Amino acid sequence: MTTATANACFYLETSRMLADGRVLWLRPVLPEDEPALQRAFGKLTPDEI
């Protein structure tokens, strides 16, 4: 990841508090997320996608 990409991703990160008090952290999908996303989506059935 380039410095510019890292800075853009940091800028886009945010957190939100859920109604039950838990905090949800959101960030852009990064190229290095690809293997984990492929594994996760590979486990879904067609009805779940």
N, C-alpha and C. Protein backbone atom coordinates (compact mmCIF):
# COMPACT_ATOMS: atom_id res chain seq x y z
N MET A 1 0.85 -1.18 0.00
CA MET A 1 0.00 0.00 0.00
C MET A 1 0.89 1.23 0.00
N THR A 2 0.53 2.18 -0.81
CA THR A 2 1.30 3.42 -0.88
C THR A 2 0.93 4.32 0.30
N THR A 3 1.75 5.30 0.53
CA THR A 3 1.47 6.26 1.60
C THR A 3 0.17 7.00 1.33
N ALA A 4 -0.05 7.36 0.06
CA ALA A 4 -1.29 8.07 -0.29
C ALA A 4 -2.51 7.20 -0.01
N THR A 5 -2.43 5.91 -0.34
CA THR A 5 -3.54 5.00 -0.08
C THR A 5 -3.76 4.85 1.41
N ALA A 6 -2.69 4.71 2.17
CA ALA A 6 -2.81 4.58 3.62
C ALA A 6 -3.45 5.82 4.22
N ASN A 7 -3.05 6.99 3.76
CA ASN A 7 -3.64 8.23 4.28
C ASN A 7 -5.11 8.33 3.92
N ALA A 8 -5.47 7.94 2.69
CA ALA A 8 -6.87 7.99 2.27
C ALA A 8 -7.70 7.02 3.11
N CYS A 9 -7.17 5.83 3.37
CA CYS A 9 -7.90 4.85 4.17
C CYS A 9 -8.09 5.34 5.59
N PHE A 10 -7.05 5.93 6.18
CA PHE A 10 -7.17 6.46 7.53
C PHE A 10 -8.24 7.53 7.59
N TYR A 11 -8.29 8.38 6.58
CA TYR A 11 -9.28 9.46 6.53
C TYR A 11 -10.70 8.90 6.46
N LEU A 12 -10.87 7.77 5.80
CA LEU A 12 -12.19 7.18 5.62
C LEU A 12 -12.63 6.29 6.77
N GLU A 13 -11.73 5.97 7.71
CA GLU A 13 -12.11 5.16 8.86
C GLU A 13 -13.05 5.94 9.77
N THR A 14 -14.00 5.22 10.35
CA THR A 14 -14.94 5.86 11.25
C THR A 14 -15.48 4.83 12.22
N SER A 15 -16.06 5.26 13.29
CA SER A 15 -16.70 4.35 14.22
C SER A 15 -18.10 4.86 14.51
N ARG A 16 -18.96 3.94 14.82
CA ARG A 16 -20.35 4.27 15.14
C ARG A 16 -20.76 3.49 16.39
N MET A 17 -21.48 4.14 17.28
CA MET A 17 -21.99 3.46 18.45
C MET A 17 -23.36 2.87 18.13
N LEU A 18 -23.50 1.60 18.45
CA LEU A 18 -24.77 0.93 18.23
C LEU A 18 -25.72 1.21 19.39
N ALA A 19 -26.98 0.93 19.19
CA ALA A 19 -28.00 1.21 20.21
C ALA A 19 -27.70 0.49 21.52
N ASP A 20 -27.04 -0.67 21.44
CA ASP A 20 -26.75 -1.42 22.67
C ASP A 20 -25.44 -1.00 23.32
N GLY A 21 -24.79 0.04 22.78
CA GLY A 21 -23.57 0.58 23.38
C GLY A 21 -22.28 0.05 22.76
N ARG A 22 -22.36 -1.00 21.95
CA ARG A 22 -21.15 -1.50 21.29
C ARG A 22 -20.71 -0.51 20.22
N VAL A 23 -19.40 -0.51 19.94
CA VAL A 23 -18.85 0.38 18.93
C VAL A 23 -18.49 -0.44 17.71
N LEU A 24 -18.94 0.01 16.55
CA LEU A 24 -18.66 -0.63 15.28
C LEU A 24 -17.62 0.21 14.56
N TRP A 25 -16.49 -0.41 14.18
CA TRP A 25 -15.42 0.30 13.49
C TRP A 25 -15.52 -0.02 12.00
N LEU A 26 -15.56 0.99 11.17
CA LEU A 26 -15.70 0.83 9.72
C LEU A 26 -14.47 1.39 9.02
N ARG A 27 -14.04 0.67 7.98
CA ARG A 27 -12.91 1.13 7.18
C ARG A 27 -13.08 0.61 5.76
N PRO A 28 -12.39 1.21 4.80
CA PRO A 28 -12.47 0.72 3.43
C PRO A 28 -11.87 -0.69 3.32
N VAL A 29 -12.33 -1.43 2.33
CA VAL A 29 -11.73 -2.72 2.02
C VAL A 29 -10.38 -2.44 1.37
N LEU A 30 -9.35 -3.18 1.79
CA LEU A 30 -8.00 -2.99 1.27
C LEU A 30 -7.59 -4.18 0.42
N PRO A 31 -6.63 -4.00 -0.48
CA PRO A 31 -6.19 -5.12 -1.31
C PRO A 31 -5.74 -6.34 -0.49
N GLU A 32 -5.12 -6.11 0.63
CA GLU A 32 -4.66 -7.24 1.45
C GLU A 32 -5.81 -7.98 2.15
N ASP A 33 -7.02 -7.46 2.07
CA ASP A 33 -8.20 -8.15 2.61
C ASP A 33 -8.69 -9.26 1.68
N GLU A 34 -8.20 -9.28 0.43
CA GLU A 34 -8.73 -10.20 -0.57
C GLU A 34 -8.73 -11.67 -0.13
N PRO A 35 -7.63 -12.23 0.38
CA PRO A 35 -7.66 -13.65 0.75
C PRO A 35 -8.73 -13.97 1.80
N ALA A 36 -8.86 -13.14 2.81
CA ALA A 36 -9.86 -13.38 3.85
C ALA A 36 -11.28 -13.25 3.29
N LEU A 37 -11.50 -12.29 2.42
CA LEU A 37 -12.83 -12.14 1.82
C LEU A 37 -13.17 -13.31 0.91
N GLN A 38 -12.19 -13.81 0.16
CA GLN A 38 -12.43 -14.97 -0.68
C GLN A 38 -12.79 -16.19 0.16
N ARG A 39 -12.10 -16.39 1.27
CA ARG A 39 -12.42 -17.51 2.17
C ARG A 39 -13.82 -17.36 2.74
N ALA A 40 -14.15 -16.17 3.19
CA ALA A 40 -15.46 -15.94 3.81
C ALA A 40 -16.58 -16.13 2.80
N PHE A 41 -16.45 -15.54 1.62
CA PHE A 41 -17.50 -15.66 0.62
C PHE A 41 -17.57 -17.06 0.05
N GLY A 42 -16.45 -17.78 0.06
CA GLY A 42 -16.43 -19.16 -0.43
C GLY A 42 -17.23 -20.10 0.44
N LYS A 43 -17.51 -19.72 1.67
CA LYS A 43 -18.27 -20.54 2.60
C LYS A 43 -19.78 -20.27 2.53
N LEU A 44 -20.16 -19.23 1.81
CA LEU A 44 -21.58 -18.87 1.71
C LEU A 44 -22.28 -19.72 0.65
N THR A 45 -23.54 -19.97 0.89
CA THR A 45 -24.35 -20.65 -0.11
C THR A 45 -24.87 -19.59 -1.09
N PRO A 46 -25.34 -20.00 -2.27
CA PRO A 46 -25.88 -19.01 -3.21
C PRO A 46 -27.03 -18.19 -2.61
N ASP A 47 -27.83 -18.79 -1.73
CA ASP A 47 -28.93 -18.06 -1.11
C ASP A 47 -28.44 -17.00 -0.13
N GLU A 48 -27.23 -17.18 0.43
CA GLU A 48 -26.70 -16.23 1.40
C GLU A 48 -26.01 -15.04 0.74
N ILE A 49 -25.66 -15.17 -0.50
CA ILE A 49 -24.92 -14.10 -1.18
C ILE A 49 -25.85 -13.00 -1.61
